C-alpha atoms as a PDB file:
ATOM      1  CA  GLU A   1     -35.629 175.790 164.092  1.00  0.00           C
ATOM      2  CA  SER A   2     -32.663 173.540 164.759  1.00  0.00           C
ATOM      3  CA  ASP A   3     -33.390 173.586 168.197  1.00  0.00           C
ATOM      4  CA  LEU A   4     -36.661 172.472 167.688  1.00  0.00           C
ATOM      5  CA  ALA A   5     -35.032 169.556 165.264  1.00  0.00           C
ATOM      6  CA  GLN A   6     -32.934 168.697 167.565  1.00  0.00           C
ATOM      7  CA  HIS A   7     -35.599 168.345 170.591  1.00  0.00           C
ATOM      8  CA  TYR A   8     -37.654 166.138 168.573  1.00  0.00           C
ATOM      9  CA  LEU A   9     -34.622 163.750 167.554  1.00  0.00           C
ATOM     10  CA  VAL A  10     -33.520 163.341 170.619  1.00  0.00           C
ATOM     11  CA  LYS A  11     -36.502 162.755 171.950  1.00  0.00           C
ATOM     12  CA  ALA A  12     -37.020 159.857 169.548  1.00  0.00           C
ATOM     13  CA  ASN A  13     -33.046 158.822 171.111  1.00  0.00           C
ATOM     14  CA  ILE A  14     -31.051 159.946 167.833  1.00  0.00           C
ATOM     15  CA  SER A  15     -28.306 161.528 169.034  1.00  0.00           C
ATOM     16  CA  VAL A  16     -27.406 165.028 166.927  1.00  0.00           C
ATOM     17  CA  ILE A  17     -24.471 167.009 166.992  1.00  0.00           C
ATOM     18  CA  ARG A  18     -24.699 170.596 165.461  1.00  0.00           C
ATOM     19  CA  ARG A  19     -21.942 172.686 163.636  1.00  0.00           C
ATOM     20  CA  VAL A  20     -19.368 169.967 162.417  1.00  0.00           C
ATOM     21  CA  ARG A  21     -16.826 170.609 160.495  1.00  0.00           C
ATOM     22  CA  LYS A  22     -17.227 169.749 157.104  1.00  0.00           C
ATOM     23  CA  SER A  23     -13.316 167.099 157.576  1.00  0.00           C
ATOM     24  CA  ASP A  24     -15.380 166.623 160.869  1.00  0.00           C
ATOM     25  CA  ASN A  25     -18.625 165.238 159.186  1.00  0.00           C
ATOM     26  CA  ASN A  26     -16.894 162.715 156.647  1.00  0.00           C
ATOM     27  CA  ARG A  27     -14.676 160.989 159.359  1.00  0.00           C
ATOM     28  CA  ILE A  28     -18.114 160.733 161.334  1.00  0.00           C
ATOM     29  CA  ALA A  29     -20.112 159.342 157.952  1.00  0.00           C
ATOM     30  CA  ARG A  30     -16.861 156.870 157.072  1.00  0.00           C
ATOM     31  CA  ALA A  31     -16.831 155.687 161.361  1.00  0.00           C
ATOM     32  CA  CYS A  32     -20.827 155.142 161.469  1.00  0.00           C
ATOM     33  CA  GLY A  33     -21.349 153.660 157.705  1.00  0.00           C
ATOM     34  CA  ALA A  34     -23.693 156.700 156.872  1.00  0.00           C
ATOM     35  CA  THR A  35     -24.072 158.694 153.617  1.00  0.00           C
ATOM     36  CA  ILE A  36     -24.159 162.526 153.842  1.00  0.00           C
ATOM     37  CA  ALA A  37     -27.613 164.391 152.671  1.00  0.00           C
ATOM     38  CA  ASN A  38     -28.068 167.882 152.391  1.00  0.00           C
ATOM     39  CA  ARG A  39     -31.787 167.611 152.707  1.00  0.00           C
ATOM     40  CA  THR A  40     -34.060 165.791 154.257  1.00  0.00           C
ATOM     41  CA  ASP A  41     -36.313 165.057 151.540  1.00  0.00           C
ATOM     42  CA  GLU A  42     -33.332 163.449 150.163  1.00  0.00           C
ATOM     43  CA  LEU A  43     -32.421 160.683 152.953  1.00  0.00           C
ATOM     44  CA  ARG A  44     -33.511 157.115 152.310  1.00  0.00           C
ATOM     45  CA  ASP A  45     -33.095 154.380 154.709  1.00  0.00           C
ATOM     46  CA  GLU A  46     -29.753 152.918 153.412  1.00  0.00           C
ATOM     47  CA  ASP A  47     -28.154 156.754 154.266  1.00  0.00           C
ATOM     48  CA  ILE A  48     -28.255 156.184 157.651  1.00  0.00           C
ATOM     49  CA  GLY A  49     -24.904 155.023 159.604  1.00  0.00           C
ATOM     50  CA  LEU A  50     -26.238 152.509 161.994  1.00  0.00           C
ATOM     51  CA  GLY A  51     -22.701 151.387 162.931  1.00  0.00           C
ATOM     52  CA  CYS A  52     -21.746 153.362 165.960  1.00  0.00           C
ATOM     53  CA  GLY A  53     -21.570 151.343 169.049  1.00  0.00           C
ATOM     54  CA  LEU A  54     -21.244 153.797 171.360  1.00  0.00           C
ATOM     55  CA  PHE A  55     -21.541 157.621 171.229  1.00  0.00           C
ATOM     56  CA  GLU A  56     -20.267 159.627 174.100  1.00  0.00           C
ATOM     57  CA  ILE A  57     -19.129 163.513 174.646  1.00  0.00           C
ATOM     58  CA  GLU A  58     -16.398 163.869 177.155  1.00  0.00           C
ATOM     59  CA  LYS A  59     -14.419 167.460 178.250  1.00  0.00           C
ATOM     60  CA  ILE A  60     -10.792 167.013 178.174  1.00  0.00           C
ATOM     61  CA  GLY A  61      -8.961 170.461 179.827  1.00  0.00           C
ATOM     62  CA  ASP A  62     -11.260 173.604 178.415  1.00  0.00           C
ATOM     63  CA  GLU A  63     -12.999 171.476 175.403  1.00  0.00           C
ATOM     64  CA  TYR A  64     -15.564 169.099 174.499  1.00  0.00           C
ATOM     65  CA  PHE A  65     -14.609 166.070 172.625  1.00  0.00           C
ATOM     66  CA  THR A  66     -16.848 164.175 170.646  1.00  0.00           C
ATOM     67  CA  PHE A  67     -16.121 159.837 170.539  1.00  0.00           C
ATOM     68  CA  LEU A  68     -17.406 157.280 168.284  1.00  0.00           C
ATOM     69  CA  THR A  69     -16.367 154.345 169.913  1.00  0.00           C
ATOM     70  CA  GLU A  70     -17.287 150.285 169.290  1.00  0.00           C
ATOM     71  CA  CYS A  71     -18.189 150.476 165.942  1.00  0.00           C
ATOM     72  CA  THR A  72     -18.887 147.861 163.720  1.00  0.00           C
ATOM     73  CA  ASN A  73     -16.703 148.860 160.518  1.00  0.00           C
ATOM     74  CA  PRO A  74     -15.379 151.849 160.986  1.00  0.00           C
ATOM     75  CA  LYS A  75     -13.078 153.269 158.030  1.00  0.00           C
ATOM     76  CA  ALA A  76     -11.453 155.882 159.696  1.00  0.00           C
ATOM     77  CA  CYS A  77     -10.007 157.120 163.073  1.00  0.00           C
ATOM     78  CA  THR A  78      -8.757 160.139 165.489  1.00  0.00           C
ATOM     79  CA  ILE A  79      -5.511 160.059 167.489  1.00  0.00           C
ATOM     80  CA  LEU A  80      -5.904 162.608 170.223  1.00  0.00           C
ATOM     81  CA  LEU A  81      -2.548 163.820 170.800  1.00  0.00           C
ATOM     82  CA  ARG A  82      -1.480 165.572 174.657  1.00  0.00           C
ATOM     83  CA  GLY A  83       1.623 167.110 175.782  1.00  0.00           C
ATOM     84  CA  ALA A  84       3.262 169.353 177.793  1.00  0.00           C
ATOM     85  CA  SER A  85       3.814 171.796 175.878  1.00  0.00           C
ATOM     86  CA  LYS A  86       2.897 172.926 171.864  1.00  0.00           C
ATOM     87  CA  ASP A  87       6.069 172.627 170.858  1.00  0.00           C
ATOM     88  CA  VAL A  88       5.863 168.687 172.210  1.00  0.00           C
ATOM     89  CA  LEU A  89       2.737 168.374 170.613  1.00  0.00           C
ATOM     90  CA  ASN A  90       3.696 169.597 167.166  1.00  0.00           C
ATOM     91  CA  GLU A  91       7.018 167.192 167.125  1.00  0.00           C
ATOM     92  CA  VAL A  92       4.633 164.507 167.837  1.00  0.00           C
ATOM     93  CA  GLU A  93       2.596 165.234 165.159  1.00  0.00           C
ATOM     94  CA  ARG A  94       5.099 165.568 162.468  1.00  0.00           C
ATOM     95  CA  ASN A  95       6.188 162.331 163.713  1.00  0.00           C
ATOM     96  CA  LEU A  96       2.940 160.874 163.361  1.00  0.00           C
ATOM     97  CA  GLN A  97       2.667 162.410 159.326  1.00  0.00           C
ATOM     98  CA  ASP A  98       6.537 160.835 158.545  1.00  0.00           C
ATOM     99  CA  ALA A  99       5.123 157.549 159.525  1.00  0.00           C
END
């Protein structure tokens, strides 16, 4: 049933992401200016976020990442950290949290 819904949304040129963590879903809504609705019958025109300029999915290493860029009035951001080892990444993350 969600595959069928996704098919029709893509056919209507509407980007769809499935199985998103709640924290990520909140960030996406903030970046795009959307309001999260749990049921389709609760949707209103003003709930739809139209603030995303570009939606891309990129594979980095073995994982896929979703990028929402060129947003008109973003209220969220993500910093993607890459490092030579897990220890380096942990140190950089601690420094960011201290900043």
